[in-house]
Amino acid sequence: MLKPSSNSKVLASALTGALMAVACLTTPAAAQSKKTDVRIATGTPGGAYYVMGAVLADVVRRSGQFAGSSAEASSGSLESARLIASGEVTLAGMDANWVKAAYLGQAPFKQKLDVRTVLPMGAWPLFFISLESSSISNIADLKGKRIAVGAKGSGMEQHARTVLGSIGLTFNDITPVYLAFGPGSAAVREGTADAQLQCCIPNAGLTELTELSKTRVVSLTPEQMAKVMASEGVYDDGVLKKGAIRHLANDTPSLSILNGWIGMASMSEDTAYMLAKIFIEQLDEIAKKAPQYVSVREEMFAKAQTRGASALEAGAPLHPGAARAFKEAGILK
């Protein structure tokens, strides 16, 4: 039987030492994430956030990097902000306008919340939709009409107030109908609402509305678009692409709004880093199950190459742990 040479003993000893050193470096972070249970506040059932949160929670859970992961419905961005602030959830799906208000302590928030963007959700067209048979063609025509503006306290309600306010309309000038995506779309189809504020396509309510009825995207003039974009600093100009919804025969100018999975600044860097790492590595699979994520890679990641972290931020700075993962992946320089 051959005896190991002195060289092989030295090599084995060095290899063992190296493995132990790696273990010492990686074990604390891995151990911390293994003890963390990721809870995600999504939004109202039937809305895009609800589906997107469920898909994200499933991928996080199956990664094996955390103790567990679950998606939980909330009534909208206001409740979601309360849930992350209280520590009841880890992440909350929120529109950039609500995130910005929370970060700055602006109404309806009574104090500043130290929130951070952990993951981008997408840059999505934001638009009003009506039946083709209605008299509504431009956003100014919404005056005096019944408008489905989202659930009470939701990000969509706030968008409706901001967008309409930018062109000189208040909720006193319309009849607000407080319904989430699915019920709101049904109300337009059934004639109990004249139009609906829509976003986050595709979503089940909008798909059903456009498949069962002939619809029209309510237009904005360039001047109206400019007024809305100047109002809050969270809107951009975008395009609702031909065929994105049924009956849309041409590319149509549209507002665009950033959205994100938001956490508190107190979230550990290891947790934010691991969530972003999983998200980046599994984004293709995530987007197949929830197409609303497609714009993350096609638009937000592409813009991040020139704009930096601001292209990924939804109303609040990027969490340092998440930024580290995006830099490692080459998305941020």
Protein backbone atom coordinates (compact mmCIF):
# COMPACT_ATOMS: atom_id res chain seq x y z
CA MET A 1 0.00 0.00 0.00
CA LEU A 2 1.49 3.40 -1.00
CA LYS A 3 2.04 6.00 1.67
CA PRO A 4 1.14 9.60 0.91
CA SER A 5 4.15 11.77 0.13
CA SER A 6 5.04 14.79 2.23
CA ASN A 7 3.96 17.02 -0.70
CA SER A 8 0.53 15.43 -0.82
CA LYS A 9 0.16 15.87 2.94
CA VAL A 10 1.00 19.57 2.61
CA LEU A 11 -1.48 19.93 -0.29
CA ALA A 12 -4.21 18.18 1.64
CA SER A 13 -3.56 20.33 4.68
CA ALA A 14 -3.67 23.51 2.58
CA LEU A 15 -6.88 22.43 0.87
CA THR A 16 -8.53 21.63 4.20
CA GLY A 17 -7.52 25.03 5.54
CA ALA A 18 -8.86 26.79 2.48
CA LEU A 19 -12.21 25.00 2.71
CA MET A 20 -12.50 25.88 6.40
CA ALA A 21 -11.73 29.52 5.59
CA VAL A 22 -14.45 29.60 2.91
CA ALA A 23 -16.89 27.99 5.32
CA CYS A 24 -16.10 30.63 7.93
CA LEU A 25 -16.75 33.37 5.39
CA THR A 26 -20.00 32.01 3.99
CA THR A 27 -21.66 30.36 6.98
CA PRO A 28 -22.82 33.48 8.90
CA ALA A 29 -24.66 35.03 5.93
CA ALA A 30 -26.13 31.70 4.88
CA ALA A 31 -27.16 30.93 8.45
CA GLN A 32 -28.84 34.32 8.79
CA SER A 33 -30.89 33.95 5.61
CA LYS A 34 -31.86 30.41 6.55
CA LYS A 35 -33.46 31.81 9.70
CA THR A 36 -35.34 34.56 7.84
CA ASP A 37 -38.96 34.10 6.81
CA VAL A 38 -39.81 36.37 3.86
CA ARG A 39 -43.36 37.68 3.94
CA ILE A 40 -44.58 39.73 0.98
CA ALA A 41 -47.56 42.13 1.05
CA THR A 42 -49.01 42.10 -2.45
CA GLY A 43 -52.23 44.07 -2.95
CA THR A 44 -55.85 43.23 -3.60
CA PRO A 45 -56.78 39.78 -4.97
CA GLY A 46 -57.23 39.88 -8.73
CA GLY A 47 -54.71 42.69 -9.22
CA ALA A 48 -51.30 42.40 -10.85
CA TYR A 49 -49.41 42.84 -7.57
CA TYR A 50 -51.24 39.85 -6.12
CA VAL A 51 -50.02 37.54 -8.90
CA MET A 52 -46.54 39.07 -9.01
CA GLY A 53 -46.11 38.64 -5.28
CA ALA A 54 -47.22 35.02 -5.37
CA VAL A 55 -44.72 34.25 -8.15
CA LEU A 56 -41.89 36.01 -6.32
CA ALA A 57 -42.69 34.25 -3.03
CA ASP A 58 -42.67 30.88 -4.77
CA VAL A 59 -39.24 31.48 -6.34
CA VAL A 60 -37.79 32.74 -3.05
CA ARG A 61 -39.18 29.73 -1.19
CA ARG A 62 -37.86 27.23 -3.74
CA SER A 63 -34.39 28.82 -3.68
CA GLY A 64 -33.83 27.25 -0.27
CA GLN A 65 -32.01 30.39 0.90
CA PHE A 66 -34.67 31.39 3.43
CA ALA A 67 -36.67 29.65 6.12
CA GLY A 68 -39.81 30.23 4.07
CA SER A 69 -41.64 32.75 1.92
CA SER A 70 -45.31 33.68 1.56
CA ALA A 71 -47.42 36.24 -0.29
CA GLU A 72 -50.22 37.97 1.59
CA ALA A 73 -52.99 40.18 0.25
CA SER A 74 -53.33 43.77 1.45
CA SER A 75 -55.87 46.46 0.68
CA GLY A 76 -53.29 48.54 -1.18
CA SER A 77 -50.14 50.61 -0.83
CA LEU A 78 -51.17 52.41 2.36
CA GLU A 79 -51.75 49.19 4.28
CA SER A 80 -48.65 47.66 2.71
CA ALA A 81 -46.56 50.61 3.97
CA ARG A 82 -47.96 50.09 7.46
CA LEU A 83 -47.12 46.39 7.31
CA ILE A 84 -43.45 46.88 6.39
CA ALA A 85 -43.08 49.71 8.92
CA SER A 86 -44.46 47.51 11.71
CA GLY A 87 -42.25 44.58 10.72
CA GLU A 88 -45.21 42.34 9.93
CA VAL A 89 -43.92 41.78 6.37
CA THR A 90 -40.52 41.90 4.70
CA LEU A 91 -41.47 43.39 1.34
CA ALA A 92 -44.44 45.37 0.08
CA GLY A 93 -45.49 46.04 -3.50
CA MET A 94 -45.93 49.79 -3.82
CA ASP A 95 -46.33 52.46 -6.50
CA ALA A 96 -43.52 55.01 -6.66
CA ASN A 97 -45.81 57.92 -5.75
CA TRP A 98 -46.80 56.29 -2.45
CA VAL A 99 -43.19 55.27 -1.76
CA LYS A 100 -41.99 58.82 -2.32
CA ALA A 101 -44.70 60.20 0.00
CA ALA A 102 -43.73 57.69 2.69
CA TYR A 103 -40.01 58.43 2.31
CA LEU A 104 -40.56 62.21 2.56
CA GLY A 105 -43.30 62.03 5.20
CA GLN A 106 -45.84 63.69 2.93
CA ALA A 107 -49.63 63.26 3.20
CA PRO A 108 -51.26 60.90 3.85
CA PHE A 109 -48.25 59.75 5.91
CA LYS A 110 -47.88 61.55 9.23
CA GLN A 111 -44.16 60.90 9.53
CA LYS A 112 -41.24 59.79 7.39
CA LEU A 113 -40.77 56.08 6.84
CA ASP A 114 -37.19 54.96 6.26
CA VAL A 115 -38.09 52.86 3.23
CA ARG A 116 -35.82 51.50 0.51
CA THR A 117 -36.33 49.95 -2.93
CA VAL A 118 -35.24 46.31 -2.76
CA LEU A 119 -36.46 44.97 -6.11
CA PRO A 120 -37.90 46.69 -9.19
CA MET A 121 -41.29 45.46 -10.38
CA GLY A 122 -41.47 47.21 -13.72
CA ALA A 123 -42.16 50.41 -15.62
CA TRP A 124 -45.77 50.13 -16.72
CA PRO A 125 -48.18 52.11 -18.87
CA LEU A 126 -50.79 53.96 -16.79
CA PHE A 127 -53.96 54.84 -18.67
CA PHE A 128 -57.73 55.25 -18.53
CA ILE A 129 -59.87 52.89 -20.57
CA SER A 130 -63.52 53.14 -21.61
CA LEU A 131 -65.91 51.38 -23.93
CA GLU A 132 -65.56 52.32 -27.57
CA SER A 133 -69.23 53.29 -27.59
CA SER A 134 -68.76 55.92 -24.85
CA SER A 135 -68.30 59.65 -25.42
CA ILE A 136 -64.93 59.56 -23.65
CA SER A 137 -61.94 59.93 -25.94
CA ASN A 138 -59.64 62.41 -24.14
CA ILE A 139 -58.88 62.56 -20.44
CA ALA A 140 -60.73 65.88 -20.16
CA ASP A 141 -63.91 64.02 -21.12
CA LEU A 142 -63.81 62.21 -17.75
CA LYS A 143 -65.41 65.23 -16.08
CA GLY A 144 -68.84 64.32 -14.73
CA LYS A 145 -68.29 60.59 -15.36
CA ARG A 146 -68.18 57.54 -13.08
CA ILE A 147 -64.55 56.43 -12.88
CA ALA A 148 -63.26 53.18 -11.36
CA VAL A 149 -60.20 54.52 -9.53
CA GLY A 150 -59.05 51.46 -7.60
CA ALA A 151 -59.67 50.26 -4.08
CA LYS A 152 -59.96 52.88 -1.34
CA GLY A 153 -56.48 53.77 -0.12
CA SER A 154 -54.75 52.02 -3.00
CA GLY A 155 -51.92 53.31 -5.15
CA MET A 156 -54.34 53.47 -8.07
CA GLU A 157 -56.61 55.88 -6.18
CA GLN A 158 -53.62 58.13 -5.55
CA HIS A 159 -52.61 57.95 -9.22
CA ALA A 160 -56.15 58.93 -10.21
CA ARG A 161 -56.07 61.94 -7.90
CA THR A 162 -52.65 63.05 -9.15
CA VAL A 163 -53.26 62.53 -12.86
CA LEU A 164 -56.67 64.18 -12.85
CA GLY A 165 -55.44 66.97 -10.60
CA SER A 166 -52.64 67.73 -13.03
CA ILE A 167 -55.16 68.67 -15.70
CA GLY A 168 -57.44 70.60 -13.33
CA LEU A 169 -59.93 67.90 -12.30
CA THR A 170 -60.60 66.79 -8.73
CA PHE A 171 -62.65 63.91 -7.35
CA ASN A 172 -65.45 66.47 -6.96
CA ASP A 173 -65.55 66.69 -10.76
CA ILE A 174 -66.11 62.95 -11.19
CA THR A 175 -67.96 60.17 -9.40
CA PRO A 176 -65.18 57.96 -8.04
CA VAL A 177 -65.99 54.26 -8.01
CA TYR A 178 -63.75 52.52 -5.47
CA LEU A 179 -63.16 49.12 -7.01
CA ALA A 180 -59.98 47.08 -7.53
CA PHE A 181 -58.83 45.95 -10.98
CA GLY A 182 -61.14 42.99 -11.52
CA PRO A 183 -64.39 44.48 -10.17
CA GLY A 184 -63.57 47.84 -11.76
CA SER A 185 -63.16 46.28 -15.19
CA ALA A 186 -66.43 44.43 -14.73
CA ALA A 187 -68.14 47.71 -13.79
CA VAL A 188 -67.03 49.30 -17.08
CA ARG A 189 -68.19 46.28 -19.03
CA GLU A 190 -71.56 46.23 -17.25
CA GLY A 191 -72.11 49.98 -17.56
CA THR A 192 -71.95 50.90 -13.85
CA ALA A 193 -68.69 52.80 -14.46
CA ASP A 194 -67.84 54.89 -17.52
CA ALA A 195 -64.08 54.39 -17.43
CA GLN A 196 -61.32 52.80 -15.36
CA LEU A 197 -57.75 53.73 -14.50
CA GLN A 198 -55.60 50.76 -15.55
CA CYS A 199 -52.03 49.66 -15.11
CA CYS A 200 -49.86 46.56 -14.66
CA ILE A 201 -50.90 44.78 -17.84
CA PRO A 202 -51.72 42.08 -18.43
CA ASN A 203 -54.16 41.50 -15.59
CA ALA A 204 -57.21 39.28 -15.51
CA GLY A 205 -59.77 42.07 -15.19
CA LEU A 206 -58.45 44.06 -18.14
CA THR A 207 -58.11 40.94 -20.29
CA GLU A 208 -61.72 40.00 -19.61
CA LEU A 209 -62.92 43.55 -20.30
CA THR A 210 -61.13 43.80 -23.65
CA GLU A 211 -62.11 40.29 -24.75
CA LEU A 212 -65.81 40.74 -23.99
CA SER A 213 -66.17 44.39 -25.03
CA LYS A 214 -64.81 46.81 -27.59
CA THR A 215 -62.71 49.33 -25.70
CA ARG A 216 -60.83 52.57 -26.22
CA VAL A 217 -57.69 53.87 -24.50
CA VAL A 218 -58.41 57.42 -23.32
CA SER A 219 -55.86 59.77 -24.88
CA LEU A 220 -53.73 62.57 -23.47
CA THR A 221 -52.41 65.46 -25.51
CA PRO A 222 -48.66 66.21 -25.30
CA GLU A 223 -49.51 69.22 -23.14
CA GLN A 224 -51.58 67.12 -20.73
CA MET A 225 -48.81 64.52 -20.60
CA ALA A 226 -46.23 67.18 -19.73
CA LYS A 227 -48.40 68.54 -16.91
CA VAL A 228 -48.79 65.10 -15.33
CA MET A 229 -45.08 64.32 -15.63
CA ALA A 230 -44.17 67.61 -13.93
CA SER A 231 -46.57 67.06 -11.03
CA GLU A 232 -44.83 64.49 -8.85
CA GLY A 233 -41.59 63.41 -10.50
CA VAL A 234 -42.61 59.75 -10.44
CA TYR A 235 -44.11 59.54 -13.92
CA ASP A 236 -42.36 59.14 -17.24
CA ASP A 237 -43.52 59.09 -20.82
CA GLY A 238 -44.03 55.64 -22.27
CA VAL A 239 -45.78 53.76 -25.01
CA LEU A 240 -48.66 51.35 -24.83
CA LYS A 241 -47.58 49.04 -27.63
CA LYS A 242 -49.83 47.87 -30.43
CA GLY A 243 -51.55 44.64 -29.46
CA ALA A 244 -50.70 45.01 -25.77
CA ILE A 245 -54.44 44.87 -25.22
CA ARG A 246 -57.12 43.76 -27.61
CA HIS A 247 -58.46 46.41 -30.01
CA LEU A 248 -55.30 48.52 -29.68
CA ALA A 249 -54.32 48.89 -33.34
CA ASN A 250 -51.42 51.34 -32.95
CA ASP A 251 -48.65 52.24 -30.54
CA THR A 252 -50.22 54.76 -28.19
CA PRO A 253 -48.43 57.39 -26.06
CA SER A 254 -48.99 56.69 -22.39
CA LEU A 255 -47.83 57.67 -18.96
CA SER A 256 -45.42 55.25 -17.34
CA ILE A 257 -45.07 54.58 -13.61
CA LEU A 258 -42.31 52.79 -11.72
CA ASN A 259 -43.24 50.22 -9.10
CA GLY A 260 -41.16 48.24 -6.66
CA TRP A 261 -40.91 45.74 -3.86
CA ILE A 262 -40.14 47.98 -0.92
CA GLY A 263 -38.54 47.19 2.42
CA MET A 264 -37.23 49.15 5.39
CA ALA A 265 -33.68 50.51 5.55
CA SER A 266 -33.23 48.34 8.65
CA MET A 267 -33.45 45.17 6.54
CA SER A 268 -30.11 43.40 6.81
CA GLU A 269 -27.77 43.77 3.85
CA ASP A 270 -27.53 39.98 3.60
CA THR A 271 -31.31 39.63 3.26
CA ALA A 272 -31.60 42.39 0.63
CA TYR A 273 -28.58 41.02 -1.23
CA MET A 274 -29.93 37.46 -1.33
CA LEU A 275 -33.41 38.59 -2.42
CA ALA A 276 -31.93 40.65 -5.26
CA LYS A 277 -29.55 37.85 -6.26
CA ILE A 278 -32.41 35.32 -6.47
CA PHE A 279 -34.52 37.83 -8.38
CA ILE A 280 -31.79 38.55 -10.94
CA GLU A 281 -30.93 34.89 -11.49
CA GLN A 282 -34.55 33.77 -11.78
CA LEU A 283 -36.00 36.79 -13.60
CA ASP A 284 -36.63 34.92 -16.86
CA GLU A 285 -38.66 32.26 -15.03
CA ILE A 286 -40.45 34.91 -12.97
CA ALA A 287 -41.40 36.91 -16.08
CA LYS A 288 -42.80 33.81 -17.79
CA LYS A 289 -45.26 33.35 -14.94
CA ALA A 290 -45.95 37.06 -14.41
CA PRO A 291 -45.37 38.99 -17.67
CA GLN A 292 -45.59 42.33 -15.86
CA TYR A 293 -41.93 41.76 -14.93
CA VAL A 294 -40.80 41.79 -18.59
CA SER A 295 -40.12 45.53 -18.54
CA VAL A 296 -37.62 45.09 -15.70
CA ARG A 297 -35.03 43.57 -18.02
CA GLU A 298 -36.12 45.27 -21.26
CA GLU A 299 -36.39 48.80 -19.87
CA MET A 300 -35.15 49.22 -16.31
CA PHE A 301 -31.97 47.13 -16.51
CA ALA A 302 -31.13 48.72 -19.87
CA LYS A 303 -31.62 52.26 -18.52
CA ALA A 304 -29.56 51.41 -15.41
CA GLN A 305 -26.47 51.19 -17.60
CA THR A 306 -26.64 54.94 -18.23
CA ARG A 307 -28.87 56.30 -15.46
CA GLY A 308 -27.46 54.21 -12.62
CA ALA A 309 -29.45 53.20 -9.55
CA SER A 310 -32.18 55.78 -10.22
CA ALA A 311 -33.47 53.57 -13.06
CA LEU A 312 -34.26 50.83 -10.53
CA GLU A 313 -35.60 53.00 -7.73
CA ALA A 314 -39.33 53.32 -7.11
CA GLY A 315 -39.64 56.50 -5.08
CA ALA A 316 -36.91 55.62 -2.53
CA PRO A 317 -33.16 54.89 -2.71
CA LEU A 318 -31.96 51.40 -3.54
CA HIS A 319 -31.12 49.26 -0.51
CA PRO A 320 -27.31 48.84 -0.22
CA GLY A 321 -27.61 45.06 -0.09
CA ALA A 322 -29.66 45.01 -3.26
CA ALA A 323 -27.27 47.46 -4.93
CA ARG A 324 -24.41 45.05 -4.22
CA ALA A 325 -26.23 42.25 -6.03
CA PHE A 326 -27.05 44.46 -9.02
CA LYS A 327 -23.42 45.55 -9.25
CA GLU A 328 -22.16 41.98 -9.08
CA ALA A 329 -24.50 41.07 -11.95
CA GLY A 330 -23.20 43.95 -14.06
CA ILE A 331 -26.55 45.73 -14.09
CA LEU A 332 -25.09 48.67 -12.19
CA LYS A 333 -21.59 49.94 -12.79
